Amino acid sequence: MPINKTEKIWFNGKLVDWDKAQTHILSHALHYGSGVFEGIRCYKTNKGPAVFRLREHVERLFTSAELYFMEVPYDVGEIEEAVKGLIKANKLDACYIRPIIYRGYGEMGLNPLKAPVDTAIAVWPWGTYLGEEGLKKGIKVMISSVERFNSNIVPTRAKATGQYINSILAKLQSLKSGYDEAIMLDNRGMISEGPGENLFIVRDKVIYTPPEHASLLMGITRDSIVRIARDMNYEVVETDMDRGMLYTADEAFFTGTAAEVTPIREVDGHTIGKPGPVTLEIQEKFFEIVEGKDQEYGHWLAYI
């Protein structure tokens, strides 16, 4: 999706003009993928802009940095305040937020420990990742032949820039095959996740989702949906899932910061059908929460 330019970017502690937020062509991260990042959303509410689960996202950013031995020159609170200040500076009432910590210019080669660590945050208006129609009617997906990496290859708990080459290959395969999105298997052949989303299915009103050992990134939206569903008295089971379990699901949906709650209507030509009642109920509750309409979950919103 195209990026809608805003006015300011937070770069190494300062607000700089969008077009002047630049890094050197020989930055380590450009050559080796040595960066970590987050995707966060700010929603428009009756009380003004509100960032969904900001603290949890920033804490995961720091966890990713730690897993790659990156010493961040800021603390969690400073990054939280930088996010809020940047949204305010750009006068946005809703936006996508992209913090990134990466190894910059100064060292080349596979030992990056002497490279400087740069930190930046950008915000811009960004619509529904898989399309408004997909959000309402569901999307077509395929199981990709591109395998999801496991934690003996790179840390699956990290949201790292270079790791997403794996996701890009799966995404491109699905698009070139006429689908909207992919589903990836782990090295055991079990269902893992989408290229940038976690997966849920519904069978007989019970909600199932793959477990952490299926090589998935532990999504913050995923965690939110598990909590919301259980509060709505649904049984949520984390379990290994094979293709057949997915093909015969009553309902299926993706979750993620970008995808939000996107129904799946077809997998590999197997029709799951239009968005079902469980998916729609959870989707409706999710948007009520992020838009500040449900005070029970008000602690998940950081107001600007």
C-alpha atoms as a PDB file:
ATOM      1  CA  MET A   1       0.000   0.000   0.000  1.00  0.00           C
ATOM      2  CA  PRO A   2       1.287   3.511  -0.771  1.00  0.00           C
ATOM      3  CA  ILE A   3       2.694   5.689   2.007  1.00  0.00           C
ATOM      4  CA  ASN A   4       0.873   8.969   2.594  1.00  0.00           C
ATOM      5  CA  LYS A   5       3.516  11.533   3.451  1.00  0.00           C
ATOM      6  CA  THR A   6       3.162  13.501   6.685  1.00  0.00           C
ATOM      7  CA  GLU A   7       5.227  16.414   8.003  1.00  0.00           C
ATOM      8  CA  LYS A   8       7.602  15.084  10.663  1.00  0.00           C
ATOM      9  CA  ILE A   9       9.538  11.940  11.551  1.00  0.00           C
ATOM     10  CA  TRP A  10      11.148  11.284  14.943  1.00  0.00           C
ATOM     11  CA  PHE A  11      14.788  10.421  14.231  1.00  0.00           C
ATOM     12  CA  ASN A  12      17.354   9.768  16.969  1.00  0.00           C
ATOM     13  CA  GLY A  13      15.541  11.962  19.448  1.00  0.00           C
ATOM     14  CA  LYS A  14      14.617  14.883  17.194  1.00  0.00           C
ATOM     15  CA  LEU A  15      11.674  15.816  15.005  1.00  0.00           C
ATOM     16  CA  VAL A  16      12.918  16.230  11.441  1.00  0.00           C
ATOM     17  CA  ASP A  17      11.160  17.030   8.178  1.00  0.00           C
ATOM     18  CA  TRP A  18       9.800  13.959   6.400  1.00  0.00           C
ATOM     19  CA  ASP A  19      12.099  14.373   3.374  1.00  0.00           C
ATOM     20  CA  LYS A  20      15.184  14.920   5.549  1.00  0.00           C
ATOM     21  CA  ALA A  21      14.818  11.714   7.561  1.00  0.00           C
ATOM     22  CA  GLN A  22      17.575   9.866   5.717  1.00  0.00           C
ATOM     23  CA  THR A  23      20.188   7.240   6.415  1.00  0.00           C
ATOM     24  CA  HIS A  24      23.437   6.365   4.631  1.00  0.00           C
ATOM     25  CA  ILE A  25      23.469   3.935   1.714  1.00  0.00           C
ATOM     26  CA  LEU A  26      26.099   1.879   3.587  1.00  0.00           C
ATOM     27  CA  SER A  27      23.993   1.495   6.712  1.00  0.00           C
ATOM     28  CA  HIS A  28      24.411  -2.005   8.107  1.00  0.00           C
ATOM     29  CA  ALA A  29      20.673  -2.710   8.188  1.00  0.00           C
ATOM     30  CA  LEU A  30      20.286  -2.077   4.458  1.00  0.00           C
ATOM     31  CA  HIS A  31      22.896  -4.721   3.652  1.00  0.00           C
ATOM     32  CA  TYR A  32      22.178  -7.331   6.303  1.00  0.00           C
ATOM     33  CA  GLY A  33      18.627  -6.747   7.547  1.00  0.00           C
ATOM     34  CA  SER A  34      19.905  -5.895  11.031  1.00  0.00           C
ATOM     35  CA  GLY A  35      16.923  -3.963  12.320  1.00  0.00           C
ATOM     36  CA  VAL A  36      13.811  -4.504  14.420  1.00  0.00           C
ATOM     37  CA  PHE A  37      10.490  -2.740  14.144  1.00  0.00           C
ATOM     38  CA  GLU A  38       6.862  -2.550  15.216  1.00  0.00           C
ATOM     39  CA  GLY A  39       3.532  -1.923  13.555  1.00  0.00           C
ATOM     40  CA  ILE A  40       1.098  -0.006  15.773  1.00  0.00           C
ATOM     41  CA  ARG A  41      -2.212   1.726  15.110  1.00  0.00           C
ATOM     42  CA  CYS A  42      -3.704   4.926  16.434  1.00  0.00           C
ATOM     43  CA  TYR A  43      -7.496   5.152  16.182  1.00  0.00           C
ATOM     44  CA  LYS A  44      -9.906   8.071  16.147  1.00  0.00           C
ATOM     45  CA  THR A  45     -12.110   8.118  19.248  1.00  0.00           C
ATOM     46  CA  ASN A  46     -14.545  10.550  20.865  1.00  0.00           C
ATOM     47  CA  LYS A  47     -11.762  11.483  23.292  1.00  0.00           C
ATOM     48  CA  GLY A  48      -9.234  12.158  20.542  1.00  0.00           C
ATOM     49  CA  PRO A  49      -6.528   9.951  18.994  1.00  0.00           C
ATOM     50  CA  ALA A  50      -5.721   6.782  20.940  1.00  0.00           C
ATOM     51  CA  VAL A  51      -2.918   4.270  20.358  1.00  0.00           C
ATOM     52  CA  PHE A  52      -3.896   0.623  20.783  1.00  0.00           C
ATOM     53  CA  ARG A  53      -1.731  -1.265  23.302  1.00  0.00           C
ATOM     54  CA  LEU A  54       1.203   1.091  22.913  1.00  0.00           C
ATOM     55  CA  ARG A  55       3.127  -0.186  25.945  1.00  0.00           C
ATOM     56  CA  GLU A  56       2.971  -3.821  24.798  1.00  0.00           C
ATOM     57  CA  HIS A  57       4.152  -2.933  21.300  1.00  0.00           C
ATOM     58  CA  VAL A  58       7.100  -0.903  22.558  1.00  0.00           C
ATOM     59  CA  GLU A  59       8.065  -3.616  25.027  1.00  0.00           C
ATOM     60  CA  ARG A  60       8.071  -6.151  22.185  1.00  0.00           C
ATOM     61  CA  LEU A  61      10.255  -3.786  20.151  1.00  0.00           C
ATOM     62  CA  PHE A  62      12.814  -3.800  22.961  1.00  0.00           C
ATOM     63  CA  THR A  63      12.586  -7.591  23.265  1.00  0.00           C
ATOM     64  CA  SER A  64      13.339  -7.891  19.539  1.00  0.00           C
ATOM     65  CA  ALA A  65      16.340  -5.590  19.945  1.00  0.00           C
ATOM     66  CA  GLU A  66      17.646  -7.638  22.871  1.00  0.00           C
ATOM     67  CA  LEU A  67      17.407 -10.870  20.862  1.00  0.00           C
ATOM     68  CA  TYR A  68      19.671  -9.276  18.238  1.00  0.00           C
ATOM     69  CA  PHE A  69      22.105  -7.831  20.812  1.00  0.00           C
ATOM     70  CA  MET A  70      21.145  -4.243  19.995  1.00  0.00           C
ATOM     71  CA  GLU A  71      21.628  -1.711  22.763  1.00  0.00           C
ATOM     72  CA  VAL A  72      18.841   0.842  22.426  1.00  0.00           C
ATOM     73  CA  PRO A  73      19.843   4.368  23.538  1.00  0.00           C
ATOM     74  CA  TYR A  74      16.320   5.042  24.887  1.00  0.00           C
ATOM     75  CA  ASP A  75      13.973   3.371  27.333  1.00  0.00           C
ATOM     76  CA  VAL A  76      10.402   2.174  26.826  1.00  0.00           C
ATOM     77  CA  GLY A  77       8.874   5.311  28.338  1.00  0.00           C
ATOM     78  CA  GLU A  78      10.897   7.611  26.077  1.00  0.00           C
ATOM     79  CA  ILE A  79       9.746   5.773  22.954  1.00  0.00           C
ATOM     80  CA  GLU A  80       6.132   5.862  24.150  1.00  0.00           C
ATOM     81  CA  GLU A  81       6.313   9.620  24.642  1.00  0.00           C
ATOM     82  CA  ALA A  82       8.047  10.039  21.280  1.00  0.00           C
ATOM     83  CA  VAL A  83       5.166   8.193  19.565  1.00  0.00           C
ATOM     84  CA  LYS A  84       2.576  10.397  21.235  1.00  0.00           C
ATOM     85  CA  GLY A  85       4.493  13.582  20.497  1.00  0.00           C
ATOM     86  CA  LEU A  86       4.956  12.637  16.851  1.00  0.00           C
ATOM     87  CA  ILE A  87       1.245  11.987  16.324  1.00  0.00           C
ATOM     88  CA  LYS A  88       0.488  15.336  17.916  1.00  0.00           C
ATOM     89  CA  ALA A  89       3.124  17.112  15.810  1.00  0.00           C
ATOM     90  CA  ASN A  90       1.615  15.696  12.623  1.00  0.00           C
ATOM     91  CA  LYS A  91      -1.926  16.629  13.723  1.00  0.00           C
ATOM     92  CA  LEU A  92      -3.312  13.149  13.009  1.00  0.00           C
ATOM     93  CA  ASP A  93      -6.460  11.718  14.537  1.00  0.00           C
ATOM     94  CA  ALA A  94      -5.765   8.196  13.212  1.00  0.00           C
ATOM     95  CA  CYS A  95      -2.636   6.645  11.739  1.00  0.00           C
ATOM     96  CA  TYR A  96      -0.265   3.729  11.385  1.00  0.00           C
ATOM     97  CA  ILE A  97       2.890   3.933  13.512  1.00  0.00           C
ATOM     98  CA  ARG A  98       6.229   2.437  12.484  1.00  0.00           C
ATOM     99  CA  PRO A  99       9.053   2.542  15.072  1.00  0.00           C
ATOM    100  CA  ILE A 100      12.319   1.043  13.836  1.00  0.00           C
ATOM    101  CA  ILE A 101      15.648   0.410  15.552  1.00  0.00           C
ATOM    102  CA  TYR A 102      18.482  -0.515  13.226  1.00  0.00           C
ATOM    103  CA  ARG A 103      22.224  -0.710  12.874  1.00  0.00           C
ATOM    104  CA  GLY A 104      23.378   2.341  10.963  1.00  0.00           C
ATOM    105  CA  TYR A 105      26.462   3.573   9.129  1.00  0.00           C
ATOM    106  CA  GLY A 106      29.999   2.839  10.273  1.00  0.00           C
ATOM    107  CA  GLU A 107      30.631  -0.902  10.077  1.00  0.00           C
ATOM    108  CA  MET A 108      30.405  -3.493   7.303  1.00  0.00           C
ATOM    109  CA  GLY A 109      30.512  -7.259   7.708  1.00  0.00           C
ATOM    110  CA  LEU A 110      28.830  -9.862   9.857  1.00  0.00           C
ATOM    111  CA  ASN A 111      30.064  -8.504  13.185  1.00  0.00           C
ATOM    112  CA  PRO A 112      27.779  -5.503  13.732  1.00  0.00           C
ATOM    113  CA  LEU A 113      28.509  -4.761  17.378  1.00  0.00           C
ATOM    114  CA  LYS A 114      30.440  -1.554  16.704  1.00  0.00           C
ATOM    115  CA  ALA A 115      27.828  -0.157  14.307  1.00  0.00           C
ATOM    116  CA  PRO A 116      25.759   2.731  15.712  1.00  0.00           C
ATOM    117  CA  VAL A 117      22.159   1.937  16.641  1.00  0.00           C
ATOM    118  CA  ASP A 118      19.697   4.390  15.098  1.00  0.00           C
ATOM    119  CA  THR A 119      16.092   4.810  16.185  1.00  0.00           C
ATOM    120  CA  ALA A 120      13.270   6.339  14.168  1.00  0.00           C
ATOM    121  CA  ILE A 121       9.479   6.583  14.284  1.00  0.00           C
ATOM    122  CA  ALA A 122       7.183   7.458  11.389  1.00  0.00           C
ATOM    123  CA  VAL A 123       3.407   7.924  11.367  1.00  0.00           C
ATOM    124  CA  TRP A 124       1.037   8.238   8.424  1.00  0.00           C
ATOM    125  CA  PRO A 125      -2.608   7.600   7.491  1.00  0.00           C
ATOM    126  CA  TRP A 126      -3.016   3.977   6.389  1.00  0.00           C
ATOM    127  CA  GLY A 127      -6.225   2.151   5.576  1.00  0.00           C
ATOM    128  CA  THR A 128      -7.161  -1.497   5.910  1.00  0.00           C
ATOM    129  CA  TYR A 129      -4.204  -3.680   4.903  1.00  0.00           C
ATOM    130  CA  LEU A 130      -6.197  -6.395   3.120  1.00  0.00           C
ATOM    131  CA  GLY A 131      -8.842  -4.023   1.767  1.00  0.00           C
ATOM    132  CA  GLU A 132     -12.194  -2.728   2.968  1.00  0.00           C
ATOM    133  CA  GLU A 133     -14.031  -5.338   0.901  1.00  0.00           C
ATOM    134  CA  GLY A 134     -11.896  -8.082   2.415  1.00  0.00           C
ATOM    135  CA  LEU A 135     -12.688  -6.787   5.889  1.00  0.00           C
ATOM    136  CA  LYS A 136     -16.418  -7.059   5.145  1.00  0.00           C
ATOM    137  CA  LYS A 137     -16.676 -10.076   2.841  1.00  0.00           C
ATOM    138  CA  GLY A 138     -13.532 -12.081   3.556  1.00  0.00           C
ATOM    139  CA  ILE A 139     -10.474 -12.943   1.472  1.00  0.00           C
ATOM    140  CA  LYS A 140      -9.130 -15.861  -0.566  1.00  0.00           C
ATOM    141  CA  VAL A 141      -5.922 -17.448   0.716  1.00  0.00           C
ATOM    142  CA  MET A 142      -3.587 -20.264  -0.249  1.00  0.00           C
ATOM    143  CA  ILE A 143      -1.198 -22.411   1.746  1.00  0.00           C
ATOM    144  CA  SER A 144       2.229 -21.364   0.558  1.00  0.00           C
ATOM    145  CA  SER A 145       5.073 -23.697  -0.323  1.00  0.00           C
ATOM    146  CA  VAL A 146       7.372 -21.176   1.390  1.00  0.00           C
ATOM    147  CA  GLU A 147       8.019 -22.563   4.864  1.00  0.00           C
ATOM    148  CA  ARG A 148       7.934 -20.357   7.946  1.00  0.00           C
ATOM    149  CA  PHE A 149      11.354 -20.288   9.653  1.00  0.00           C
ATOM    150  CA  ASN A 150      11.728 -21.771  13.136  1.00  0.00           C
ATOM    151  CA  SER A 151      13.523 -20.511  16.224  1.00  0.00           C
ATOM    152  CA  ASN A 152      16.638 -22.580  15.467  1.00  0.00           C
ATOM    153  CA  ILE A 153      17.096 -20.428  12.338  1.00  0.00           C
ATOM    154  CA  VAL A 154      16.239 -16.956  13.645  1.00  0.00           C
ATOM    155  CA  PRO A 155      14.306 -15.956  16.781  1.00  0.00           C
ATOM    156  CA  THR A 156      10.600 -16.158  15.968  1.00  0.00           C
ATOM    157  CA  ARG A 157       9.847 -13.906  18.948  1.00  0.00           C
ATOM    158  CA  ALA A 158      11.678 -11.049  17.231  1.00  0.00           C
ATOM    159  CA  LYS A 159       9.998  -8.742  14.746  1.00  0.00           C
ATOM    160  CA  ALA A 160      13.125  -8.155  12.686  1.00  0.00           C
ATOM    161  CA  THR A 161      13.491  -6.483   9.302  1.00  0.00           C
ATOM    162  CA  GLY A 162      15.524  -9.165   7.549  1.00  0.00           C
ATOM    163  CA  GLN A 163      13.195 -11.952   8.666  1.00  0.00           C
ATOM    164  CA  TYR A 164      10.385 -10.564   6.522  1.00  0.00           C
ATOM    165  CA  ILE A 165      12.095 -11.683   3.295  1.00  0.00           C
ATOM    166  CA  ASN A 166      10.501 -15.027   4.204  1.00  0.00           C
ATOM    167  CA  SER A 167       7.060 -13.399   4.387  1.00  0.00           C
ATOM    168  CA  ILE A 168       7.572 -11.454   1.159  1.00  0.00           C
ATOM    169  CA  LEU A 169       8.202 -14.673  -0.773  1.00  0.00           C
ATOM    170  CA  ALA A 170       4.996 -16.239   0.557  1.00  0.00           C
ATOM    171  CA  LYS A 171       3.008 -13.060  -0.127  1.00  0.00           C
ATOM    172  CA  LEU A 172       4.257 -12.806  -3.711  1.00  0.00           C
ATOM    173  CA  GLN A 173       3.513 -16.460  -4.364  1.00  0.00           C
ATOM    174  CA  SER A 174      -0.081 -15.986  -3.247  1.00  0.00           C
ATOM    175  CA  LEU A 175      -0.580 -12.818  -5.303  1.00  0.00           C
ATOM    176  CA  LYS A 176       0.920 -14.369  -8.434  1.00  0.00           C
ATOM    177  CA  SER A 177      -1.382 -17.368  -7.963  1.00  0.00           C
ATOM    178  CA  GLY A 178      -4.497 -15.192  -7.832  1.00  0.00           C
ATOM    179  CA  TYR A 179      -5.063 -15.138  -4.070  1.00  0.00           C
ATOM    180  CA  ASP A 180      -5.242 -12.259  -1.602  1.00  0.00           C
ATOM    181  CA  GLU A 181      -2.888 -13.681   1.004  1.00  0.00           C
ATOM    182  CA  ALA A 182      -0.868 -16.736   2.056  1.00  0.00           C
ATOM    183  CA  ILE A 183      -0.804 -19.117   4.991  1.00  0.00           C
ATOM    184  CA  MET A 184       2.571 -20.559   5.958  1.00  0.00           C
ATOM    185  CA  LEU A 185       3.397 -23.950   7.445  1.00  0.00           C
ATOM    186  CA  ASP A 186       6.115 -24.611  10.010  1.00  0.00           C
ATOM    187  CA  ASN A 187       8.939 -27.113   9.500  1.00  0.00           C
ATOM    188  CA  ARG A 188       6.676 -29.933  10.752  1.00  0.00           C
ATOM    189  CA  GLY A 189       4.035 -29.194   8.121  1.00  0.00           C
ATOM    190  CA  MET A 190       1.612 -27.700  10.664  1.00  0.00           C
ATOM    191  CA  ILE A 191      -0.247 -24.411  10.191  1.00  0.00           C
ATOM    192  CA  SER A 192       1.806 -21.460  11.440  1.00  0.00           C
ATOM    193  CA  GLU A 193       0.521 -18.020  10.384  1.00  0.00           C
ATOM    194  CA  GLY A 194       0.109 -15.604   7.499  1.00  0.00           C
ATOM    195  CA  PRO A 195       3.026 -13.550   6.158  1.00  0.00           C
ATOM    196  CA  GLY A 196       2.086 -10.752   8.540  1.00  0.00           C
ATOM    197  CA  GLU A 197      -0.932 -12.050  10.450  1.00  0.00           C
ATOM    198  CA  ASN A 198      -1.934 -14.634  13.026  1.00  0.00           C
ATOM    199  CA  LEU A 199      -4.645 -17.152  12.199  1.00  0.00           C
ATOM    200  CA  PHE A 200      -7.812 -18.311  13.960  1.00  0.00           C
ATOM    201  CA  ILE A 201     -10.454 -20.835  12.922  1.00  0.00           C
ATOM    202  CA  VAL A 202     -13.877 -21.663  14.369  1.00  0.00           C
ATOM    203  CA  ARG A 203     -15.394 -25.152  14.577  1.00  0.00           C
ATOM    204  CA  ASP A 204     -18.657 -25.825  16.433  1.00  0.00           C
ATOM    205  CA  LYS A 205     -18.376 -22.406  18.132  1.00  0.00           C
ATOM    206  CA  VAL A 206     -14.928 -23.262  19.554  1.00  0.00           C
ATOM    207  CA  ILE A 207     -12.060 -20.986  18.472  1.00  0.00           C
ATOM    208  CA  TYR A 208      -8.691 -22.527  17.605  1.00  0.00           C
ATOM    209  CA  THR A 209      -5.335 -20.867  16.952  1.00  0.00           C
ATOM    210  CA  PRO A 210      -1.814 -22.277  16.445  1.00  0.00           C
ATOM    211  CA  PRO A 211       0.494 -22.286  19.497  1.00  0.00           C
ATOM    212  CA  GLU A 212       3.788 -20.452  19.868  1.00  0.00           C
ATOM    213  CA  HIS A 213       5.809 -23.575  19.040  1.00  0.00           C
ATOM    214  CA  ALA A 214       4.304 -23.455  15.516  1.00  0.00           C
ATOM    215  CA  SER A 215       6.967 -20.805  14.733  1.00  0.00           C
ATOM    216  CA  LEU A 216       4.642 -17.838  14.905  1.00  0.00           C
ATOM    217  CA  LEU A 217       5.200 -14.291  16.070  1.00  0.00           C
ATOM    218  CA  MET A 218       3.183 -13.818  19.252  1.00  0.00           C
ATOM    219  CA  GLY A 219       0.953 -11.070  17.969  1.00  0.00           C
ATOM    220  CA  ILE A 220      -0.415  -8.400  20.250  1.00  0.00           C
ATOM    221  CA  THR A 221      -3.675  -8.309  18.307  1.00  0.00           C
ATOM    222  CA  ARG A 222      -3.734 -12.118  18.594  1.00  0.00           C
ATOM    223  CA  ASP A 223      -3.405 -11.834  22.363  1.00  0.00           C
ATOM    224  CA  SER A 224      -6.161  -9.212  22.400  1.00  0.00           C
ATOM    225  CA  ILE A 225      -8.541 -11.441  20.423  1.00  0.00           C
ATOM    226  CA  VAL A 226      -7.875 -14.418  22.707  1.00  0.00           C
ATOM    227  CA  ARG A 227      -8.733 -12.289  25.745  1.00  0.00           C
ATOM    228  CA  ILE A 228     -11.779 -10.706  24.108  1.00  0.00           C
ATOM    229  CA  ALA A 229     -13.143 -14.073  22.935  1.00  0.00           C
ATOM    230  CA  ARG A 230     -12.736 -15.651  26.371  1.00  0.00           C
ATOM    231  CA  ASP A 231     -14.429 -12.658  27.993  1.00  0.00           C
ATOM    232  CA  MET A 232     -17.308 -13.291  25.560  1.00  0.00           C
ATOM    233  CA  ASN A 233     -17.467 -16.869  26.914  1.00  0.00           C
ATOM    234  CA  TYR A 234     -15.977 -18.539  23.867  1.00  0.00           C
ATOM    235  CA  GLU A 235     -13.620 -21.444  24.395  1.00  0.00           C
ATOM    236  CA  VAL A 236     -10.232 -20.638  22.828  1.00  0.00           C
ATOM    237  CA  VAL A 237      -7.840 -23.521  22.233  1.00  0.00           C
ATOM    238  CA  GLU A 238      -4.187 -23.157  21.228  1.00  0.00           C
ATOM    239  CA  THR A 239      -3.371 -26.315  19.307  1.00  0.00           C
ATOM    240  CA  ASP A 240      -1.448 -27.669  16.343  1.00  0.00           C
ATOM    241  CA  MET A 241      -3.535 -27.495  13.180  1.00  0.00           C
ATOM    242  CA  ASP A 242      -3.124 -29.359   9.904  1.00  0.00           C
ATOM    243  CA  ARG A 243      -4.506 -28.502   6.459  1.00  0.00           C
ATOM    244  CA  GLY A 244      -7.627 -30.607   6.915  1.00  0.00           C
ATOM    245  CA  MET A 245      -8.603 -28.777  10.078  1.00  0.00           C
ATOM    246  CA  LEU A 246      -8.335 -25.488   8.205  1.00  0.00           C
ATOM    247  CA  TYR A 247     -10.157 -26.722   5.071  1.00  0.00           C
ATOM    248  CA  THR A 248     -13.121 -27.964   7.134  1.00  0.00           C
ATOM    249  CA  ALA A 249     -13.398 -24.951   9.454  1.00  0.00           C
ATOM    250  CA  ASP A 250     -16.780 -23.296   9.936  1.00  0.00           C
ATOM    251  CA  GLU A 251     -15.088 -19.895  10.000  1.00  0.00           C
ATOM    252  CA  ALA A 252     -11.563 -18.509   9.740  1.00  0.00           C
ATOM    253  CA  PHE A 253      -9.957 -15.113  10.176  1.00  0.00           C
ATOM    254  CA  PHE A 254      -6.616 -13.321  10.322  1.00  0.00           C
ATOM    255  CA  THR A 255      -5.591 -10.882  13.055  1.00  0.00           C
ATOM    256  CA  GLY A 256      -2.836  -8.284  13.166  1.00  0.00           C
ATOM    257  CA  THR A 257      -2.150  -4.592  13.570  1.00  0.00           C
ATOM    258  CA  ALA A 258      -2.407  -4.067   9.819  1.00  0.00           C
ATOM    259  CA  ALA A 259      -5.033  -6.762   9.105  1.00  0.00           C
ATOM    260  CA  GLU A 260      -7.079  -6.014  12.259  1.00  0.00           C
ATOM    261  CA  VAL A 261      -9.729  -8.789  12.101  1.00  0.00           C
ATOM    262  CA  THR A 262     -10.039  -9.959   8.480  1.00  0.00           C
ATOM    263  CA  PRO A 263     -12.330 -12.915   7.644  1.00  0.00           C
ATOM    264  CA  ILE A 264     -11.153 -15.718   5.344  1.00  0.00           C
ATOM    265  CA  ARG A 265     -13.764 -17.065   2.921  1.00  0.00           C
ATOM    266  CA  GLU A 266     -11.686 -19.574   0.927  1.00  0.00           C
ATOM    267  CA  VAL A 267      -8.487 -21.619   1.353  1.00  0.00           C
ATOM    268  CA  ASP A 268      -6.871 -23.469  -1.585  1.00  0.00           C
ATOM    269  CA  GLY A 269     -10.218 -23.570  -3.380  1.00  0.00           C
ATOM    270  CA  HIS A 270     -12.044 -24.947  -0.331  1.00  0.00           C
ATOM    271  CA  THR A 271     -14.986 -22.676   0.460  1.00  0.00           C
ATOM    272  CA  ILE A 272     -15.312 -21.627   4.081  1.00  0.00           C
ATOM    273  CA  GLY A 273     -18.030 -19.149   3.235  1.00  0.00           C
ATOM    274  CA  LYS A 274     -19.003 -15.606   4.070  1.00  0.00           C
ATOM    275  CA  PRO A 275     -17.909 -14.214   7.448  1.00  0.00           C
ATOM    276  CA  GLY A 276     -19.636 -16.225  10.152  1.00  0.00           C
ATOM    277  CA  PRO A 277     -21.353 -15.130  13.368  1.00  0.00           C
ATOM    278  CA  VAL A 278     -18.394 -15.723  15.682  1.00  0.00           C
ATOM    279  CA  THR A 279     -15.989 -13.824  13.426  1.00  0.00           C
ATOM    280  CA  LEU A 280     -18.421 -10.938  13.015  1.00  0.00           C
ATOM    281  CA  GLU A 281     -19.125 -10.720  16.748  1.00  0.00           C
ATOM    282  CA  ILE A 282     -15.420 -10.632  17.597  1.00  0.00           C
ATOM    283  CA  GLN A 283     -14.682  -8.183  14.780  1.00  0.00           C
ATOM    284  CA  GLU A 284     -17.428  -5.843  16.005  1.00  0.00           C
ATOM    285  CA  LYS A 285     -16.184  -5.999  19.590  1.00  0.00           C
ATOM    286  CA  PHE A 286     -12.597  -5.343  18.474  1.00  0.00           C
ATOM    287  CA  PHE A 287     -13.545  -2.158  16.641  1.00  0.00           C
ATOM    288  CA  GLU A 288     -15.679  -0.986  19.558  1.00  0.00           C
ATOM    289  CA  ILE A 289     -12.629  -1.361  21.797  1.00  0.00           C
ATOM    290  CA  VAL A 290     -10.078   0.374  19.552  1.00  0.00           C
ATOM    291  CA  GLU A 291     -12.510   3.225  18.895  1.00  0.00           C
ATOM    292  CA  GLY A 292     -12.909   3.815  22.637  1.00  0.00           C
ATOM    293  CA  LYS A 293     -16.534   2.645  22.842  1.00  0.00           C
ATOM    294  CA  ASP A 294     -15.967  -0.110  25.424  1.00  0.00           C
ATOM    295  CA  GLN A 295     -14.636   1.191  28.736  1.00  0.00           C
ATOM    296  CA  GLU A 296     -13.926  -2.304  30.057  1.00  0.00           C
ATOM    297  CA  TYR A 297     -10.865  -2.330  27.790  1.00  0.00           C
ATOM    298  CA  GLY A 298     -10.050   1.353  28.146  1.00  0.00           C
ATOM    299  CA  HIS A 299      -6.651   0.504  29.657  1.00  0.00           C
ATOM    300  CA  TRP A 300      -5.573  -0.772  26.234  1.00  0.00           C
ATOM    301  CA  LEU A 301      -5.758   2.740  24.783  1.00  0.00           C
ATOM    302  CA  ALA A 302      -3.095   5.413  25.191  1.00  0.00           C
ATOM    303  CA  TYR A 303      -4.786   8.741  24.477  1.00  0.00           C
ATOM    304  CA  ILE A 304      -2.820  11.532  22.847  1.00  0.00           C
END
